[in-house]
Amino acid sequence: MKEPALGSPQNTIAVLQKYHFIFQRKFGQNFLIDTHVLDKIIRSAEISGEDMVLEIGPGIGTMTQYLAQAAAKVTAVEIDRALIPILEETLEGYENVTVLNEDILKVDIAKLAERENEGRPIKIVANLPYYITTPIIMGLFENQVPLKSMTVMVQKEVAERMQAGPGSKNYGALSLAVQYYAKPYIVANVPPNCFMPRPKVGSAVIRLERYEKPAVKVEDEKLMFKIIRASFNQRRKTLANGLKNSSELDFTKEQIEAAIGSLGKGASVRGETLTLEEFAILGNTLRQSRR
């Protein structure tokens, strides 16, 4: 297998010029041009020779070459048709790599894992387009895709929100949703000069280690997440007012106040101070009040 040849600005520019490639803003294309960051991503993903890796948005194949050396099998999903001829060249000789020219949001990843990895959990490594980061990550969790971990490059602010705890300014619905399914850990912050073209914001690599079972036991997941969304829709409101004003919830004022009272936090408590466990208790209590 060939040694990775991409990852430097010079080699990236040479490939792009050869194919007269034009960056598509609609696809959020920012290619990594720092080999130190690439090495850190591969190490933190803890890829072994037995793993199947799904890469989302391989671009010109820079990280794909590194992944191919570490994993048993790599499936790279690229939406931009103009990049397919480039990938055919840059990944030539990497026989354990398959490239799919598809929209990742429309790919049945569970079926893909079944076909390519006999249903065993896969690992996801990606430099995610910022505009669809959350739909991709939550879709993978909510659709019960068999996966061990995700090690992904995202906007720094989004990574901080995923890892945030109760009471912090970054804590919100995304924090709780991610932490229900996985343990988040920010591996590295990555400045704009590590990409081509340079994004306007900083980035971060975050590793999400999937729990075998969700972090808390809840009787109705959908209800709990409705409560979470309602709690953060208007952060300055008390939890009680947030839940009462939500169009997604149909509980009486008395049911809501009784459920909040069971937390022992007082009537003025706000959603941003509650832990995931407390939201689970709140959801279970409200569900029981319907009986």
Protein backbone atom coordinates (compact mmCIF):
# COMPACT_ATOMS: atom_id res chain seq x y z
CA MET A 1 0.00 0.00 0.00
CA LYS A 2 1.30 3.47 -0.89
CA GLU A 3 2.34 6.00 1.73
CA PRO A 4 -0.06 8.97 2.08
CA ALA A 5 1.00 11.65 -0.40
CA LEU A 6 -1.50 14.37 0.43
CA GLY A 7 -1.86 16.63 3.44
CA SER A 8 0.52 19.42 2.48
CA PRO A 9 -0.57 22.70 0.84
CA GLN A 10 1.69 22.08 -2.17
CA ASN A 11 0.35 18.61 -2.97
CA THR A 12 -3.24 19.68 -2.38
CA ILE A 13 -2.88 22.67 -4.73
CA ALA A 14 -1.26 20.47 -7.38
CA VAL A 15 -4.18 18.02 -7.36
CA LEU A 16 -6.81 20.76 -7.40
CA GLN A 17 -5.12 22.58 -10.29
CA LYS A 18 -4.69 19.40 -12.31
CA TYR A 19 -8.45 18.81 -12.25
CA HIS A 20 -9.41 22.51 -12.36
CA PHE A 21 -11.44 21.91 -9.22
CA ILE A 22 -13.78 24.67 -8.03
CA PHE A 23 -14.79 24.71 -4.36
CA GLN A 24 -18.54 24.43 -3.79
CA ARG A 25 -19.70 26.59 -0.90
CA LYS A 26 -23.00 24.67 -0.75
CA PHE A 27 -21.05 21.55 0.28
CA GLY A 28 -19.02 23.31 2.96
CA GLN A 29 -15.70 22.20 1.48
CA ASN A 30 -12.58 22.94 3.55
CA PHE A 31 -9.74 20.47 2.95
CA LEU A 32 -7.18 19.67 5.66
CA ILE A 33 -3.60 20.66 4.79
CA ASP A 34 -1.84 19.86 8.07
CA THR A 35 -0.32 16.39 8.51
CA HIS A 36 0.06 16.87 12.29
CA VAL A 37 -3.72 17.29 12.62
CA LEU A 38 -4.29 14.25 10.41
CA ASP A 39 -1.99 12.15 12.60
CA LYS A 40 -3.82 13.33 15.72
CA ILE A 41 -7.21 12.41 14.26
CA ILE A 42 -6.04 8.91 13.32
CA ARG A 43 -4.50 8.32 16.76
CA SER A 44 -7.52 9.58 18.67
CA ALA A 45 -9.89 7.45 16.56
CA GLU A 46 -8.01 4.35 17.84
CA ILE A 47 -8.36 2.49 14.54
CA SER A 48 -7.15 -1.08 14.41
CA GLY A 49 -6.52 -3.45 11.53
CA GLU A 50 -9.87 -5.10 12.24
CA ASP A 51 -12.02 -1.96 11.97
CA MET A 52 -14.33 -0.76 9.25
CA VAL A 53 -14.28 3.03 9.01
CA LEU A 54 -16.93 5.21 7.42
CA GLU A 55 -15.54 8.53 6.23
CA ILE A 56 -18.02 11.29 5.46
CA GLY A 57 -16.85 13.84 2.90
CA PRO A 58 -13.39 12.56 1.90
CA GLY A 59 -12.73 15.57 -0.36
CA ILE A 60 -9.65 14.75 -2.44
CA GLY A 61 -8.83 11.72 -0.29
CA THR A 62 -6.29 13.29 2.08
CA MET A 63 -7.48 11.64 5.29
CA THR A 64 -8.75 8.61 3.39
CA GLN A 65 -5.16 7.61 2.59
CA TYR A 66 -4.28 7.70 6.30
CA LEU A 67 -7.41 5.76 7.24
CA ALA A 68 -6.70 3.10 4.62
CA GLN A 69 -3.31 2.41 6.20
CA ALA A 70 -4.80 1.95 9.67
CA ALA A 71 -8.13 0.16 9.04
CA ALA A 72 -9.23 -3.11 7.50
CA LYS A 73 -11.77 -1.38 5.30
CA VAL A 74 -12.79 2.21 4.53
CA THR A 75 -16.01 3.36 2.91
CA ALA A 76 -15.92 7.03 1.93
CA VAL A 77 -19.14 8.84 1.05
CA GLU A 78 -18.71 11.95 -1.11
CA ILE A 79 -21.62 14.04 -2.39
CA ASP A 80 -19.69 16.16 -4.93
CA ARG A 81 -19.50 14.35 -8.27
CA ALA A 82 -16.61 16.57 -9.38
CA LEU A 83 -14.41 14.98 -6.71
CA ILE A 84 -14.92 11.39 -7.88
CA PRO A 85 -12.28 11.48 -10.68
CA ILE A 86 -9.82 13.01 -8.22
CA LEU A 87 -10.52 10.28 -5.66
CA GLU A 88 -10.06 7.61 -8.31
CA GLU A 89 -6.52 8.89 -8.81
CA THR A 90 -5.52 9.70 -5.22
CA LEU A 91 -6.89 6.40 -3.87
CA GLU A 92 -5.50 4.22 -6.63
CA GLY A 93 -3.66 1.31 -5.02
CA TYR A 94 -5.65 1.53 -1.78
CA GLU A 95 -7.61 -1.64 -2.37
CA ASN A 96 -9.44 -1.55 0.97
CA VAL A 97 -11.22 1.72 0.09
CA THR A 98 -14.68 2.03 -1.48
CA VAL A 99 -15.98 5.44 -2.59
CA LEU A 100 -19.71 6.12 -2.83
CA ASN A 101 -20.94 9.20 -4.67
CA GLU A 102 -23.99 9.79 -2.48
CA ASP A 103 -25.58 12.17 0.02
CA ILE A 104 -24.74 10.82 3.49
CA LEU A 105 -28.13 11.97 4.80
CA LYS A 106 -29.79 9.58 2.35
CA VAL A 107 -27.51 6.57 2.89
CA ASP A 108 -28.86 3.67 4.96
CA ILE A 109 -25.75 3.33 7.11
CA ALA A 110 -27.14 0.42 9.14
CA LYS A 111 -27.63 -1.52 5.90
CA LEU A 112 -24.15 -0.46 4.77
CA ALA A 113 -22.63 -1.78 8.00
CA GLU A 114 -24.54 -5.02 7.59
CA ARG A 115 -23.31 -5.47 4.03
CA GLU A 116 -19.71 -4.34 4.47
CA ASN A 117 -19.02 -5.32 8.10
CA GLU A 118 -21.50 -8.13 8.83
CA GLY A 119 -23.45 -5.84 11.14
CA ARG A 120 -20.54 -5.29 13.51
CA PRO A 121 -20.07 -1.78 14.92
CA ILE A 122 -18.17 0.60 12.67
CA LYS A 123 -16.10 3.68 13.43
CA ILE A 124 -16.81 7.04 11.85
CA VAL A 125 -14.05 9.50 11.09
CA ALA A 126 -14.79 12.70 9.21
CA ASN A 127 -14.09 16.33 8.56
CA LEU A 128 -17.77 17.21 8.65
CA PRO A 129 -19.35 20.03 6.63
CA TYR A 130 -20.41 22.55 9.28
CA TYR A 131 -23.86 23.14 7.83
CA ILE A 132 -25.00 19.53 8.37
CA THR A 133 -22.93 18.52 11.42
CA THR A 134 -25.84 18.15 13.82
CA PRO A 135 -28.22 16.30 11.43
CA ILE A 136 -25.47 13.80 10.60
CA ILE A 137 -24.43 13.09 14.19
CA MET A 138 -27.95 12.91 15.60
CA GLY A 139 -29.16 10.84 12.66
CA LEU A 140 -26.44 8.27 13.34
CA PHE A 141 -27.40 8.04 17.01
CA GLU A 142 -31.17 8.14 16.65
CA ASN A 143 -31.30 5.58 13.83
CA GLN A 144 -29.45 3.04 15.97
CA VAL A 145 -26.57 2.70 13.53
CA PRO A 146 -24.11 0.11 14.90
CA LEU A 147 -21.06 2.20 15.75
CA LYS A 148 -18.27 2.22 18.30
CA SER A 149 -17.24 5.83 18.05
CA MET A 150 -17.21 9.00 16.00
CA THR A 151 -14.06 11.09 15.70
CA VAL A 152 -15.05 14.17 13.74
CA MET A 153 -13.86 17.65 12.87
CA VAL A 154 -16.58 20.19 13.60
CA GLN A 155 -16.91 23.89 14.26
CA LYS A 156 -15.22 24.67 17.58
CA GLU A 157 -18.35 26.22 19.05
CA VAL A 158 -20.36 23.09 18.23
CA ALA A 159 -17.74 20.82 19.84
CA GLU A 160 -17.85 22.95 22.99
CA ARG A 161 -21.64 22.69 23.07
CA MET A 162 -21.48 18.90 22.76
CA GLN A 163 -19.12 18.64 25.72
CA ALA A 164 -20.71 21.35 27.92
CA GLY A 165 -22.18 20.62 31.36
CA PRO A 166 -25.10 22.12 33.33
CA GLY A 167 -24.83 25.81 34.12
CA SER A 168 -22.32 26.70 31.43
CA LYS A 169 -23.15 29.12 28.62
CA ASN A 170 -22.66 26.42 25.96
CA TYR A 171 -24.96 23.90 27.64
CA GLY A 172 -28.14 23.19 25.74
CA ALA A 173 -30.28 20.69 23.88
CA LEU A 174 -27.36 19.50 21.73
CA SER A 175 -25.23 18.84 24.83
CA LEU A 176 -27.93 16.65 26.33
CA ALA A 177 -28.75 14.84 23.09
CA VAL A 178 -25.12 13.91 22.43
CA GLN A 179 -24.39 12.97 26.06
CA TYR A 180 -27.45 10.72 26.17
CA TYR A 181 -25.85 8.51 23.52
CA ALA A 182 -22.11 9.03 23.92
CA LYS A 183 -19.22 10.35 25.98
CA PRO A 184 -17.77 13.45 24.26
CA TYR A 185 -14.12 14.42 24.48
CA ILE A 186 -12.49 17.31 22.61
CA VAL A 187 -9.21 15.98 21.21
CA ALA A 188 -7.76 19.14 19.69
CA ASN A 189 -8.56 22.66 18.59
CA VAL A 190 -7.68 23.34 14.95
CA PRO A 191 -7.09 26.90 13.64
CA PRO A 192 -8.36 28.09 10.24
CA ASN A 193 -4.88 28.02 8.65
CA CYS A 194 -4.97 24.21 8.70
CA PHE A 195 -7.56 24.21 5.91
CA MET A 196 -7.87 25.16 2.28
CA PRO A 197 -9.76 27.40 1.83
CA ARG A 198 -9.58 28.86 5.33
CA PRO A 199 -12.92 28.80 7.17
CA LYS A 200 -14.01 31.93 9.01
CA VAL A 201 -14.25 30.10 12.36
CA GLY A 202 -12.07 27.79 14.43
CA SER A 203 -12.56 24.04 14.37
CA ALA A 204 -12.12 21.18 16.82
CA VAL A 205 -11.73 17.43 16.68
CA ILE A 206 -14.17 15.71 19.02
CA ARG A 207 -14.40 12.02 19.83
CA LEU A 208 -17.81 10.61 20.73
CA GLU A 209 -17.55 7.21 22.39
CA ARG A 210 -20.90 5.45 21.97
CA TYR A 211 -22.44 3.96 25.12
CA GLU A 212 -23.67 0.38 24.88
CA LYS A 213 -26.89 1.65 26.47
CA PRO A 214 -28.04 5.28 26.79
CA ALA A 215 -26.57 7.18 29.74
CA VAL A 216 -29.91 7.31 31.61
CA LYS A 217 -32.99 5.13 31.76
CA VAL A 218 -36.05 6.86 30.38
CA GLU A 219 -39.49 5.46 29.60
CA ASP A 220 -40.18 7.72 26.61
CA GLU A 221 -37.15 9.16 24.75
CA LYS A 222 -39.25 11.34 22.46
CA LEU A 223 -41.04 12.93 25.40
CA MET A 224 -37.78 13.61 27.22
CA PHE A 225 -36.31 15.39 24.20
CA LYS A 226 -39.50 17.42 23.74
CA ILE A 227 -39.06 18.56 27.35
CA ILE A 228 -35.40 19.36 26.75
CA ARG A 229 -36.20 21.43 23.63
CA ALA A 230 -38.95 23.29 25.45
CA SER A 231 -36.58 24.02 28.34
CA PHE A 232 -34.02 25.71 26.10
CA ASN A 233 -36.30 27.47 23.61
CA GLN A 234 -36.37 30.52 25.86
CA ARG A 235 -33.38 30.33 28.17
CA ARG A 236 -34.40 33.24 30.38
CA LYS A 237 -37.72 31.69 31.29
CA THR A 238 -38.13 29.37 34.24
CA LEU A 239 -38.45 25.67 33.48
CA ALA A 240 -42.14 25.77 34.37
CA ASN A 241 -42.89 28.60 31.94
CA GLY A 242 -40.86 26.95 29.19
CA LEU A 243 -42.81 23.71 29.48
CA LYS A 244 -46.20 25.41 29.80
CA ASN A 245 -45.61 27.49 26.66
CA SER A 246 -44.39 24.60 24.50
CA SER A 247 -46.57 23.59 21.56
CA GLU A 248 -44.99 20.10 21.71
CA LEU A 249 -46.28 19.33 25.22
CA ASP A 250 -49.88 18.81 26.31
CA PHE A 251 -49.61 18.64 30.10
CA THR A 252 -51.63 20.75 32.50
CA LYS A 253 -50.09 23.47 34.62
CA GLU A 254 -50.65 21.29 37.69
CA GLN A 255 -48.92 18.25 36.13
CA ILE A 256 -45.91 20.33 35.12
CA GLU A 257 -45.55 22.03 38.49
CA ALA A 258 -45.88 18.72 40.35
CA ALA A 259 -43.23 17.09 38.15
CA ILE A 260 -40.82 19.98 38.66
CA GLY A 261 -41.53 19.88 42.39
CA SER A 262 -40.41 16.24 42.47
CA LEU A 263 -36.89 17.39 41.54
CA GLY A 264 -36.62 19.39 44.76
CA LYS A 265 -35.10 22.36 42.93
CA GLY A 266 -37.67 25.04 43.65
CA ALA A 267 -40.20 26.77 41.42
CA SER A 268 -37.67 29.16 39.83
CA VAL A 269 -35.38 26.46 38.45
CA ARG A 270 -34.20 26.88 34.85
CA GLY A 271 -33.57 24.17 32.29
CA GLU A 272 -29.90 25.07 31.84
CA THR A 273 -29.15 23.96 35.43
CA LEU A 274 -30.62 20.46 35.11
CA THR A 275 -28.56 17.35 34.48
CA LEU A 276 -29.48 14.67 31.96
CA GLU A 277 -30.55 12.45 34.87
CA GLU A 278 -32.91 15.15 36.11
CA PHE A 279 -34.46 15.56 32.66
CA ALA A 280 -35.00 11.79 32.60
CA ILE A 281 -36.75 11.95 35.99
CA LEU A 282 -38.88 14.86 34.77
CA GLY A 283 -39.87 12.95 31.64
CA ASN A 284 -40.72 9.78 33.55
CA THR A 285 -42.74 11.72 36.13
CA LEU A 286 -44.77 13.59 33.47
CA ARG A 287 -45.39 10.36 31.56
CA GLN A 288 -46.70 8.69 34.71
CA SER A 289 -49.01 11.65 35.38
CA ARG A 290 -50.97 10.71 32.24
CA ARG A 291 -52.03 7.38 33.70
